[in-house]
């Protein structure tokens, strides 16, 4: 979940349509060698990037003690900022993972306390955003999520999940402070299965070193982190025989196997909810609630609109004009513009087009945010107005917090957005199959899907379609639940959404293990 997450130049799988996945992990108790991630290599392996000349950082840690009021209770906790070296079976260093673990103090038996591994997306994003949004400290923004000018500040996060679970925030290899070992071919890290393989080895190491094997275990990923979680649930099981209690997919990529026009259908409901937010719909639609307008948009997108796309140029003139009229009614765009797009609205153009007459653009991560470009006649917006609002505060205050509060003193560069191209996307639909397989074999594994109605980076209808086409048997399908927010990609920037997210995730964690 930005450029960071989707901020990188792999534009979130071309905006979420088909971030394909690698093959599920091989079965068996013998784990695959760490530099051979249990999947068939691509026909033409990605070229190695130049070897890093700097030595791999030595393992080190900084342990500090804190107290905060979270979930209505005063909570004492220990923060451990550290690096772990992940090695091949022969002891060769492969990479250094940086993480910060928050563990509740005075717990009679830590092995019974839930443990959640948390990360961001991209691929190529450091985990500072989830860290400073879901951890015990959060960035101070306005109640509706807008950034403010410096001096920035952090406060106790009363809505952190730390009251329900210990939290371990991890940077993916090449992001944040995590790095490949010198001389290592980065292709072994940069891919859906490859990435999940190394994360699984980090988790194995963390559980072992901290005696947490018996703990209820959860994955919480945002944006591409949801693709990682879906694949990782399978990799953990087959590589290390680690079974999960739950997976929380925050602003989930739709990791299905789709055709070209599917992208148009799955984005349309979020275009509609966004136009509704900006009061650009006719009165009869504008008076509906958010849930009602979202449902009408789903029905239109997968009914009349899908049928029109299927007919293509076989639409009669009357049918064509009706679909143009209905699309204009639902989106707030002009009939002429919809005709010019051949009924297929590009999100990248839509950011510019929706409020063009007001000389304003619309945000991608959160369509409630508006921006301004130098050229109001241009085809695409210059920047994401939502991300621009708060990114500076997140970057500055993570750097300050990790040094001042966590005592992590380093000259290393914290990479917010790493260039992890080329990224091995694997086979279309394989990640959905990996999650289906994991859920079917681990019958106690539950999944919570967290969706923002104003998220144009990972539109909610994409993951809805993925789940409904995973071929899950009814006893397994009931283990997936959805929750929706009048918010964007990072719903925790908004006060009301953050409070709801805290309750939803705490309830999910507490319901899925025996206290």
Protein backbone atom coordinates (compact mmCIF):
# COMPACT_ATOMS: atom_id res chain seq x y z
CA UNK A 1 0.00 0.00 0.00
CA UNK A 2 2.70 3.70 -2.54
CA UNK A 3 5.26 5.03 -4.60
CA UNK A 4 6.64 3.64 -1.87
CA UNK A 5 4.09 0.94 -2.07
CA UNK A 6 2.81 1.60 -5.46
CA UNK A 7 4.92 4.66 -5.69
CA UNK A 8 7.56 2.80 -7.47
CA UNK A 9 7.73 2.60 -11.19
CA UNK A 10 6.11 -0.82 -11.27
CA UNK A 11 2.79 1.03 -11.02
CA UNK A 12 1.20 -1.36 -8.58
CA UNK A 13 0.84 -4.04 -11.11
CA UNK A 14 -0.35 -1.59 -13.62
CA UNK A 15 -2.75 -0.39 -11.05
CA UNK A 16 -3.76 -3.62 -9.51
CA UNK A 17 -5.17 -5.44 -12.45
CA UNK A 18 -3.11 -8.58 -12.54
CA UNK A 19 -0.21 -8.71 -10.21
CA UNK A 20 0.45 -12.30 -11.11
CA UNK A 21 2.01 -14.74 -8.74
CA UNK A 22 4.61 -17.45 -8.71
CA UNK A 23 3.94 -21.11 -8.28
CA UNK A 24 3.04 -22.39 -4.80
CA UNK A 25 5.94 -23.69 -2.75
CA UNK A 26 7.04 -27.26 -3.15
CA UNK A 27 5.81 -29.61 -0.47
CA UNK A 28 7.87 -31.71 1.89
CA UNK A 29 9.69 -31.18 5.13
CA UNK A 30 13.04 -30.36 3.55
CA UNK A 31 13.13 -26.66 2.83
CA UNK A 32 14.43 -25.48 -0.49
CA UNK A 33 17.89 -23.93 -0.53
CA UNK A 34 17.54 -20.28 0.30
CA UNK A 35 18.85 -19.10 -3.04
CA UNK A 36 16.56 -21.46 -4.95
CA UNK A 37 13.08 -20.33 -3.95
CA UNK A 38 11.19 -23.54 -4.63
CA UNK A 39 9.83 -22.50 -7.99
CA UNK A 40 10.89 -22.88 -11.60
CA UNK A 41 13.28 -20.05 -12.50
CA UNK A 42 12.19 -17.62 -15.20
CA UNK A 43 13.32 -18.50 -18.70
CA UNK A 44 15.61 -15.48 -18.69
CA UNK A 45 16.74 -14.70 -15.13
CA UNK A 46 16.77 -11.05 -14.22
CA UNK A 47 20.24 -9.57 -14.57
CA UNK A 48 22.16 -8.98 -11.38
CA UNK A 49 22.48 -5.45 -10.17
CA UNK A 50 25.97 -4.24 -9.34
CA UNK A 51 27.27 -5.77 -6.13
CA UNK A 52 27.22 -3.52 -3.10
CA UNK A 53 30.72 -2.63 -2.00
CA UNK A 54 29.79 -1.81 1.57
CA UNK A 55 30.08 -4.74 3.97
CA UNK A 56 26.89 -6.39 5.20
CA UNK A 57 25.97 -4.77 8.52
CA UNK A 58 26.70 -6.88 11.56
CA UNK A 59 23.73 -8.05 13.55
CA UNK A 60 22.94 -5.59 16.29
CA UNK A 61 19.98 -4.53 18.39
CA UNK A 62 18.71 -1.68 20.50
CA UNK A 63 16.26 -2.47 23.30
CA UNK A 64 14.17 0.28 24.88
CA UNK A 65 11.22 0.30 27.25
CA UNK A 66 8.05 2.34 26.92
CA UNK A 67 4.52 2.85 28.16
CA UNK A 68 1.40 3.99 26.32
CA UNK A 69 -2.35 4.02 26.68
CA UNK A 70 -3.67 1.73 23.95
CA UNK A 71 -7.19 0.46 23.59
CA UNK A 72 -8.19 2.18 26.80
CA UNK A 73 -5.54 0.46 28.92
CA UNK A 74 -2.12 1.54 30.12
CA UNK A 75 0.35 -0.82 28.55
CA UNK A 76 4.07 -1.28 29.22
CA UNK A 77 6.05 -2.65 26.30
CA UNK A 78 9.56 -3.35 25.04
CA UNK A 79 10.77 -2.16 21.65
CA UNK A 80 13.58 -4.07 19.96
CA UNK A 81 15.10 -2.51 16.85
CA UNK A 82 17.46 -5.02 15.30
CA UNK A 83 18.96 -6.68 12.24
CA UNK A 84 19.02 -10.40 11.53
CA UNK A 85 21.30 -11.98 8.95
CA UNK A 86 19.49 -14.59 6.85
CA UNK A 87 21.86 -17.30 5.62
CA UNK A 88 21.87 -20.14 3.14
CA UNK A 89 22.06 -23.69 4.49
CA UNK A 90 25.85 -23.62 4.12
CA UNK A 91 26.07 -20.50 6.30
CA UNK A 92 26.61 -18.01 3.49
CA UNK A 93 25.09 -14.62 4.39
CA UNK A 94 22.31 -13.76 1.94
CA UNK A 95 20.68 -10.62 3.34
CA UNK A 96 20.19 -8.46 6.40
CA UNK A 97 16.62 -7.84 7.59
CA UNK A 98 15.86 -4.78 9.70
CA UNK A 99 12.86 -4.94 12.01
CA UNK A 100 11.32 -3.36 15.07
CA UNK A 101 9.45 -5.67 17.45
CA UNK A 102 7.02 -4.39 20.07
CA UNK A 103 6.24 -6.86 22.82
CA UNK A 104 3.93 -6.33 25.77
CA UNK A 105 5.58 -6.55 29.18
CA UNK A 106 4.39 -8.52 32.19
CA UNK A 107 2.84 -11.29 30.12
CA UNK A 108 2.74 -14.53 32.17
CA UNK A 109 3.41 -16.70 29.13
CA UNK A 110 4.59 -14.91 25.97
CA UNK A 111 4.23 -18.13 23.98
CA UNK A 112 0.47 -17.80 24.32
CA UNK A 113 0.34 -14.19 23.17
CA UNK A 114 -0.49 -13.46 19.51
CA UNK A 115 2.35 -12.30 17.27
CA UNK A 116 1.78 -10.26 14.09
CA UNK A 117 4.34 -9.68 11.33
CA UNK A 118 3.62 -6.34 9.64
CA UNK A 119 4.97 -4.80 6.42
CA UNK A 120 4.26 -2.43 3.55
CA UNK A 121 4.06 -3.12 -0.13
CA UNK A 122 5.36 -1.76 -3.41
CA UNK A 123 7.05 -4.01 -4.16
CA UNK A 124 9.89 -1.79 -3.05
CA UNK A 125 8.38 0.10 -0.13
CA UNK A 126 9.91 0.34 3.30
CA UNK A 127 7.56 -0.36 6.18
CA UNK A 128 7.67 3.07 7.83
CA UNK A 129 4.08 3.85 6.82
CA UNK A 130 2.43 0.90 8.55
CA UNK A 131 5.00 1.30 11.33
CA UNK A 132 4.02 4.89 12.07
CA UNK A 133 0.33 4.24 11.45
CA UNK A 134 -0.28 0.92 13.23
CA UNK A 135 2.53 0.85 15.80
CA UNK A 136 2.42 2.32 19.33
CA UNK A 137 3.35 5.78 18.02
CA UNK A 138 1.66 7.54 15.13
CA UNK A 139 2.21 10.64 13.04
CA UNK A 140 0.09 13.65 13.99
CA UNK A 141 -2.18 14.59 11.09
CA UNK A 142 -5.51 16.38 10.93
CA UNK A 143 -8.54 14.26 11.88
CA UNK A 144 -9.30 13.69 8.20
CA UNK A 145 -5.72 12.68 7.40
CA UNK A 146 -4.13 15.80 5.97
CA UNK A 147 -0.51 16.58 6.65
CA UNK A 148 0.55 19.73 8.46
CA UNK A 149 3.69 21.85 8.13
CA UNK A 150 6.79 21.18 10.22
CA UNK A 151 7.59 20.93 13.04
CA UNK A 152 6.00 17.47 12.80
CA UNK A 153 5.25 15.33 15.81
CA UNK A 154 4.29 11.86 16.95
CA UNK A 155 1.91 10.85 19.73
CA UNK A 156 0.82 7.67 21.44
CA UNK A 157 -1.30 5.60 19.09
CA UNK A 158 -4.28 4.54 21.18
CA UNK A 159 -5.49 2.55 18.17
CA UNK A 160 -2.42 0.38 17.71
CA UNK A 161 -3.05 -3.38 17.64
CA UNK A 162 -0.45 -3.82 20.39
CA UNK A 163 -3.20 -4.33 22.96
CA UNK A 164 -4.22 -7.52 21.10
CA UNK A 165 -0.92 -8.73 19.62
CA UNK A 166 2.81 -8.23 19.74
CA UNK A 167 3.91 -6.50 16.52
CA UNK A 168 7.02 -7.00 14.37
CA UNK A 169 7.48 -4.41 11.60
CA UNK A 170 9.85 -5.66 8.89
CA UNK A 171 11.50 -3.97 5.91
CA UNK A 172 11.71 -6.10 2.75
CA UNK A 173 15.17 -6.71 1.32
CA UNK A 174 16.59 -3.56 -0.36
CA UNK A 175 13.98 -1.37 1.41
CA UNK A 176 14.28 0.53 4.67
CA UNK A 177 17.47 -0.63 6.39
CA UNK A 178 17.30 -4.18 4.98
CA UNK A 179 19.96 -5.05 2.41
CA UNK A 180 21.22 -7.93 0.24
CA UNK A 181 24.63 -9.31 1.18
CA UNK A 182 27.49 -7.92 -0.94
CA UNK A 183 27.81 -9.69 -4.24
CA UNK A 184 24.43 -11.40 -4.09
CA UNK A 185 22.35 -11.49 -7.26
CA UNK A 186 19.28 -9.41 -6.46
CA UNK A 187 17.14 -11.52 -8.79
CA UNK A 188 16.92 -14.10 -6.00
CA UNK A 189 15.05 -11.55 -3.86
CA UNK A 190 12.97 -9.72 -6.47
CA UNK A 191 9.88 -11.74 -7.22
CA UNK A 192 6.65 -12.91 -5.65
CA UNK A 193 7.85 -16.33 -4.56
CA UNK A 194 11.42 -15.18 -3.96
CA UNK A 195 10.29 -12.36 -1.68
CA UNK A 196 7.96 -14.65 0.26
CA UNK A 197 10.73 -17.24 0.63
CA UNK A 198 13.09 -14.81 2.33
CA UNK A 199 10.34 -13.39 4.51
CA UNK A 200 9.53 -16.94 5.61
CA UNK A 201 13.15 -17.49 6.63
CA UNK A 202 13.16 -14.26 8.60
CA UNK A 203 9.97 -15.30 10.39
CA UNK A 204 11.44 -18.75 11.12
CA UNK A 205 14.49 -17.07 12.65
CA UNK A 206 12.43 -14.62 14.70
CA UNK A 207 10.21 -17.35 16.13
CA UNK A 208 13.24 -19.43 17.05
CA UNK A 209 15.34 -16.69 18.63
CA UNK A 210 12.45 -15.30 20.64
CA UNK A 211 10.80 -18.60 21.61
CA UNK A 212 7.53 -17.70 19.89
CA UNK A 213 6.82 -20.93 18.03
CA UNK A 214 3.74 -21.65 20.15
CA UNK A 215 2.24 -18.18 19.70
CA UNK A 216 -0.85 -17.57 17.54
CA UNK A 217 0.62 -16.07 14.36
CA UNK A 218 -0.74 -13.38 12.03
CA UNK A 219 0.38 -11.57 8.91
CA UNK A 220 -0.66 -7.94 8.38
CA UNK A 221 0.36 -6.49 5.01
CA UNK A 222 -0.66 -3.37 3.14
CA UNK A 223 -0.99 -3.01 -0.66
CA UNK A 224 1.56 -5.30 -2.35
CA UNK A 225 2.07 -6.58 1.18
CA UNK A 226 -1.28 -8.35 0.70
CA UNK A 227 0.12 -10.22 -2.31
CA UNK A 228 3.12 -11.09 -0.14
CA UNK A 229 0.83 -12.33 2.64
CA UNK A 230 -1.22 -14.52 0.32
CA UNK A 231 1.91 -16.18 -1.06
CA UNK A 232 3.66 -16.22 2.31
CA UNK A 233 0.84 -18.12 4.00
CA UNK A 234 1.58 -20.95 1.57
CA UNK A 235 5.37 -20.65 1.71
CA UNK A 236 5.44 -20.70 5.52
CA UNK A 237 3.42 -23.89 5.55
CA UNK A 238 5.40 -25.80 2.95
CA UNK A 239 8.88 -24.46 3.64
CA UNK A 240 8.86 -24.34 7.44
CA UNK A 241 5.59 -26.04 8.48
CA UNK A 242 4.49 -22.78 10.10
CA UNK A 243 0.69 -22.51 10.28
CA UNK A 244 -1.06 -19.18 10.73
CA UNK A 245 -4.10 -18.19 12.73
CA UNK A 246 -4.94 -15.25 10.54
CA UNK A 247 -4.04 -12.91 7.68
CA UNK A 248 -5.15 -9.27 7.49
CA UNK A 249 -5.14 -7.89 3.93
CA UNK A 250 -5.06 -4.08 4.21
CA UNK A 251 -5.91 -2.33 0.93
CA UNK A 252 -5.51 -5.52 -1.00
CA UNK A 253 -4.23 -6.01 -4.50
CA UNK A 254 -6.66 -8.06 -6.56
CA UNK A 255 -4.35 -10.98 -7.35
CA UNK A 256 -6.61 -12.85 -9.73
CA UNK A 257 -6.12 -14.01 -13.30
CA UNK A 258 -8.05 -11.47 -15.38
CA UNK A 259 -8.59 -10.27 -18.92
CA UNK A 260 -8.05 -6.77 -20.28
CA UNK A 261 -11.57 -5.42 -19.71
CA UNK A 262 -11.71 -6.73 -16.13
CA UNK A 263 -9.57 -3.79 -15.05
CA UNK A 264 -12.20 -1.34 -16.31
CA UNK A 265 -14.96 -3.14 -14.43
CA UNK A 266 -13.09 -3.42 -11.14
CA UNK A 267 -12.04 0.22 -11.04
CA UNK A 268 -15.48 1.57 -11.90
CA UNK A 269 -17.10 1.17 -8.43
CA UNK A 270 -14.30 3.22 -6.84
CA UNK A 271 -14.68 5.91 -9.51
CA UNK A 272 -18.35 6.05 -8.57
CA UNK A 273 -17.80 6.24 -4.79
CA UNK A 274 -15.20 8.96 -5.38
CA UNK A 275 -17.54 11.02 -7.55
CA UNK A 276 -20.18 10.59 -4.84
CA UNK A 277 -17.76 11.95 -2.24
CA UNK A 278 -17.12 15.05 -4.37
CA UNK A 279 -20.89 15.60 -4.86
CA UNK A 280 -20.74 15.16 -8.62
CA UNK A 281 -23.62 12.67 -9.04
CA UNK A 282 -27.31 13.31 -9.76
CA UNK A 283 -29.49 14.01 -6.68
CA UNK A 284 -31.06 10.52 -6.57
CA UNK A 285 -27.62 8.91 -6.38
CA UNK A 286 -26.11 11.60 -4.20
CA UNK A 287 -28.70 11.01 -1.46
CA UNK A 288 -27.68 7.36 -1.06
CA UNK A 289 -25.35 6.19 1.71
CA UNK A 290 -21.80 5.16 0.87
CA UNK A 291 -22.65 1.47 1.18
CA UNK A 292 -25.71 1.93 -1.05
CA UNK A 293 -23.90 3.79 -3.80
CA UNK A 294 -21.07 1.24 -3.71
CA UNK A 295 -23.55 -1.59 -4.16
CA UNK A 296 -25.32 0.12 -7.05
CA UNK A 297 -21.92 0.71 -8.65
CA UNK A 298 -21.00 -2.98 -8.30
CA UNK A 299 -24.28 -4.04 -9.89
CA UNK A 300 -23.84 -1.64 -12.78
CA UNK A 301 -20.18 -2.54 -13.33
CA UNK A 302 -20.81 -6.28 -13.46
CA UNK A 303 -24.20 -6.09 -15.11
CA UNK A 304 -25.00 -3.58 -17.82
CA UNK A 305 -21.44 -2.27 -18.14
CA UNK A 306 -19.81 -5.72 -18.29
CA UNK A 307 -22.35 -6.83 -20.91
CA UNK A 308 -21.56 -3.77 -23.03
CA UNK A 309 -17.82 -4.42 -22.88
CA UNK A 310 -18.43 -8.04 -23.85
CA UNK A 311 -20.41 -7.03 -26.96
CA UNK A 312 -17.71 -4.63 -28.14
CA UNK A 313 -18.52 -3.10 -31.53
CA UNK A 314 -21.61 -5.28 -31.78
CA UNK A 315 -23.46 -2.88 -29.49
CA UNK A 316 -26.39 -1.30 -31.30
CA UNK A 317 -26.46 2.52 -31.47
CA UNK A 318 -29.27 2.57 -28.93
CA UNK A 319 -27.41 0.27 -26.52
CA UNK A 320 -24.26 2.33 -26.97
CA UNK A 321 -25.95 5.62 -26.13
CA UNK A 322 -27.66 4.09 -23.10
CA UNK A 323 -24.41 2.80 -21.65
CA UNK A 324 -22.75 6.17 -22.30
CA UNK A 325 -25.62 7.93 -20.51
CA UNK A 326 -25.52 5.55 -17.55
CA UNK A 327 -21.75 5.78 -17.21
CA UNK A 328 -21.94 9.57 -17.21
CA UNK A 329 -24.65 9.41 -14.57
CA UNK A 330 -22.57 7.13 -12.32
CA UNK A 331 -19.16 8.75 -12.77
CA UNK A 332 -19.77 12.48 -13.07
CA UNK A 333 -17.88 12.52 -16.38
CA UNK A 334 -19.29 13.98 -19.58
CA UNK A 335 -20.93 11.70 -22.19
CA UNK A 336 -18.53 13.08 -24.82
CA UNK A 337 -15.50 12.10 -22.74
CA UNK A 338 -16.86 8.60 -22.14
CA UNK A 339 -17.40 8.17 -25.89
CA UNK A 340 -13.83 9.32 -26.52
CA UNK A 341 -12.51 6.67 -24.11
CA UNK A 342 -14.39 3.86 -25.86
CA UNK A 343 -16.27 3.24 -22.59
CA UNK A 344 -13.02 2.38 -20.79
CA UNK A 345 -11.94 4.95 -18.23
CA UNK A 346 -8.23 4.98 -17.47
CA UNK A 347 -7.66 5.76 -13.76
CA UNK A 348 -4.52 7.71 -14.68
CA UNK A 349 -6.61 9.99 -16.90
CA UNK A 350 -9.52 10.05 -14.48
CA UNK A 351 -7.37 11.66 -11.76
CA UNK A 352 -7.10 14.64 -14.10
CA UNK A 353 -10.50 14.55 -15.77
CA UNK A 354 -12.99 14.33 -12.89
CA UNK A 355 -12.44 17.91 -11.66
CA UNK A 356 -10.77 19.40 -14.70
CA UNK A 357 -13.35 22.20 -14.93
CA UNK A 358 -12.27 23.30 -11.44
CA UNK A 359 -8.56 23.06 -12.35
CA UNK A 360 -8.10 20.35 -9.71
CA UNK A 361 -6.79 16.79 -9.75
CA UNK A 362 -7.86 13.83 -7.60
CA UNK A 363 -5.63 11.67 -5.41
CA UNK A 364 -4.72 8.09 -6.22
CA UNK A 365 -4.11 6.64 -2.77
CA UNK A 366 -7.08 8.58 -1.45
CA UNK A 367 -9.49 10.21 -3.88
CA UNK A 368 -10.76 12.66 -1.25
CA UNK A 369 -7.57 14.69 -1.67
CA UNK A 370 -7.39 17.24 -4.47
CA UNK A 371 -4.34 18.78 -6.11
CA UNK A 372 -3.31 21.39 -8.65
CA UNK A 373 -1.18 21.09 -11.79
CA UNK A 374 0.62 23.73 -13.80
CA UNK A 375 -1.32 22.61 -16.88
CA UNK A 376 -5.04 22.06 -16.36
CA UNK A 377 -5.34 20.83 -19.94
CA UNK A 378 -2.87 17.98 -19.48
CA UNK A 379 -3.75 14.31 -19.78
CA UNK A 380 -2.36 13.08 -16.44
CA UNK A 381 -1.83 14.56 -13.02
CA UNK A 382 1.68 15.62 -12.03
CA UNK A 383 1.60 14.02 -8.58
CA UNK A 384 -0.60 12.14 -6.15
CA UNK A 385 -2.20 14.83 -4.01
CA UNK A 386 -3.00 12.40 -1.20
CA UNK A 387 0.52 11.06 -0.87
CA UNK A 388 2.04 14.51 -1.16
CA UNK A 389 -0.02 15.72 1.79
CA UNK A 390 1.49 13.47 4.44
CA UNK A 391 4.58 11.72 3.05
CA UNK A 392 7.00 14.35 4.32
CA UNK A 393 5.70 13.99 7.86
CA UNK A 394 6.01 10.18 7.76
CA UNK A 395 9.54 10.30 6.40
CA UNK A 396 10.80 12.93 8.83
CA UNK A 397 9.21 11.53 11.95
CA UNK A 398 10.19 7.92 11.33
CA UNK A 399 13.81 9.06 11.00
CA UNK A 400 13.48 11.08 14.19
CA UNK A 401 11.58 8.40 16.11
CA UNK A 402 13.84 5.48 15.26
CA UNK A 403 16.87 7.43 16.50
CA UNK A 404 15.43 9.44 19.37
CA UNK A 405 13.01 6.89 20.88
CA UNK A 406 14.36 3.53 19.70
CA UNK A 407 18.04 4.56 20.00
CA UNK A 408 18.82 3.07 16.60
CA UNK A 409 21.89 5.06 15.61
CA UNK A 410 23.14 4.37 12.13
CA UNK A 411 24.66 6.14 9.18
CA UNK A 412 22.80 3.75 6.89
CA UNK A 413 20.32 5.16 4.42
CA UNK A 414 16.65 4.36 5.01
CA UNK A 415 15.29 3.51 1.57
CA UNK A 416 11.62 4.49 1.41
CA UNK A 417 11.25 3.42 -2.22
CA UNK A 418 13.67 0.89 -3.65
CA UNK A 419 14.20 0.06 -7.31
CA UNK A 420 13.45 -3.66 -7.25
CA UNK A 421 13.01 -4.08 -10.99
CA UNK A 422 12.74 -6.40 -12.77
CA UNK A 423 10.24 -8.12 -10.48
CA UNK A 424 9.35 -11.73 -11.23
CA UNK A 425 5.56 -11.74 -11.30
CA UNK A 426 5.28 -15.51 -11.67
CA UNK A 427 2.21 -17.12 -13.19
CA UNK A 428 -1.16 -15.32 -13.47
CA UNK A 429 -3.52 -16.39 -10.73
CA UNK A 430 -0.93 -18.41 -8.80
CA UNK A 431 -1.08 -16.27 -5.66
CA UNK A 432 -4.84 -16.69 -5.37
CA UNK A 433 -4.24 -20.42 -5.69
CA UNK A 434 -1.47 -20.28 -3.07
CA UNK A 435 -3.86 -18.66 -0.60
CA UNK A 436 -6.66 -21.09 -1.47
CA UNK A 437 -4.33 -24.01 -0.89
CA UNK A 438 -3.09 -22.64 2.45
CA UNK A 439 -6.63 -21.94 3.69
CA UNK A 440 -7.87 -25.33 2.58
CA UNK A 441 -5.06 -27.24 4.31
CA UNK A 442 -4.94 -24.96 7.36
CA UNK A 443 -8.65 -25.11 8.11
CA UNK A 444 -8.33 -22.72 11.07
CA UNK A 445 -6.71 -19.97 8.99
CA UNK A 446 -8.93 -16.87 8.83
CA UNK A 447 -8.59 -13.88 6.49
CA UNK A 448 -9.82 -10.32 7.08
CA UNK A 449 -9.96 -8.08 3.98
CA UNK A 450 -9.76 -4.36 4.78
CA UNK A 451 -11.01 -2.07 1.98
CA UNK A 452 -11.11 1.70 1.52
CA UNK A 453 -13.92 3.08 -0.64
CA UNK A 454 -11.69 5.92 -1.91
CA UNK A 455 -8.63 3.82 -2.74
CA UNK A 456 -7.71 4.04 -6.44
CA UNK A 457 -4.39 2.23 -5.95
CA UNK A 458 -6.06 -1.06 -4.96
CA UNK A 459 -9.79 -0.68 -5.70
CA UNK A 460 -12.04 -2.73 -3.43
CA UNK A 461 -13.89 -4.51 -6.21
CA UNK A 462 -10.72 -6.22 -7.44
CA UNK A 463 -10.11 -8.23 -4.28
CA UNK A 464 -13.85 -8.91 -3.99
CA UNK A 465 -13.71 -10.57 -7.40
CA UNK A 466 -10.52 -12.45 -6.52
CA UNK A 467 -12.07 -13.96 -3.41
CA UNK A 468 -15.31 -14.91 -5.17
CA UNK A 469 -13.33 -16.77 -7.85
CA UNK A 470 -10.85 -18.68 -5.66
CA UNK A 471 -12.95 -21.86 -5.81
CA UNK A 472 -13.04 -22.16 -2.04
CA UNK A 473 -15.30 -24.81 -0.59
CA UNK A 474 -18.06 -23.32 1.64
CA UNK A 475 -16.49 -24.43 4.96
CA UNK A 476 -13.31 -22.54 3.94
CA UNK A 477 -14.97 -19.58 2.23
CA UNK A 478 -16.69 -18.64 5.49
CA UNK A 479 -13.23 -17.97 6.95
CA UNK A 480 -12.88 -14.84 4.79
CA UNK A 481 -14.58 -11.63 5.93
CA UNK A 482 -14.58 -8.08 4.55
CA UNK A 483 -14.68 -4.71 6.28
CA UNK A 484 -15.09 -1.34 4.52
CA UNK A 485 -14.05 2.22 5.32
CA UNK A 486 -14.94 5.68 4.10
CA UNK A 487 -11.24 6.23 3.60
CA UNK A 488 -8.46 5.62 1.13
CA UNK A 489 -5.46 3.33 0.85
CA UNK A 490 -4.03 4.22 4.26
CA UNK A 491 -7.23 4.28 6.26
CA UNK A 492 -5.28 4.77 9.49
CA UNK A 493 -4.50 8.40 8.59
CA UNK A 494 -8.18 9.25 9.22
CA UNK A 495 -9.31 9.37 12.87
CA UNK A 496 -12.71 7.70 12.47
CA UNK A 497 -11.35 5.05 10.11
CA UNK A 498 -8.38 4.42 12.42
CA UNK A 499 -10.68 3.82 15.37
CA UNK A 500 -12.79 1.42 13.31
CA UNK A 501 -9.70 -0.38 12.03
CA UNK A 502 -8.43 -0.86 15.57
CA UNK A 503 -11.69 -2.45 16.65
CA UNK A 504 -12.01 -4.61 13.53
CA UNK A 505 -8.47 -6.00 13.66
CA UNK A 506 -8.45 -6.47 17.44
CA UNK A 507 -11.74 -8.35 17.23
CA UNK A 508 -10.36 -10.46 14.37
CA UNK A 509 -7.21 -11.39 16.31
CA UNK A 510 -9.03 -12.06 19.57
CA UNK A 511 -11.63 -14.27 17.88
CA UNK A 512 -9.10 -16.51 16.16
CA UNK A 513 -7.19 -18.14 18.98
CA UNK A 514 -7.99 -19.79 22.28
CA UNK A 515 -7.32 -17.36 25.15
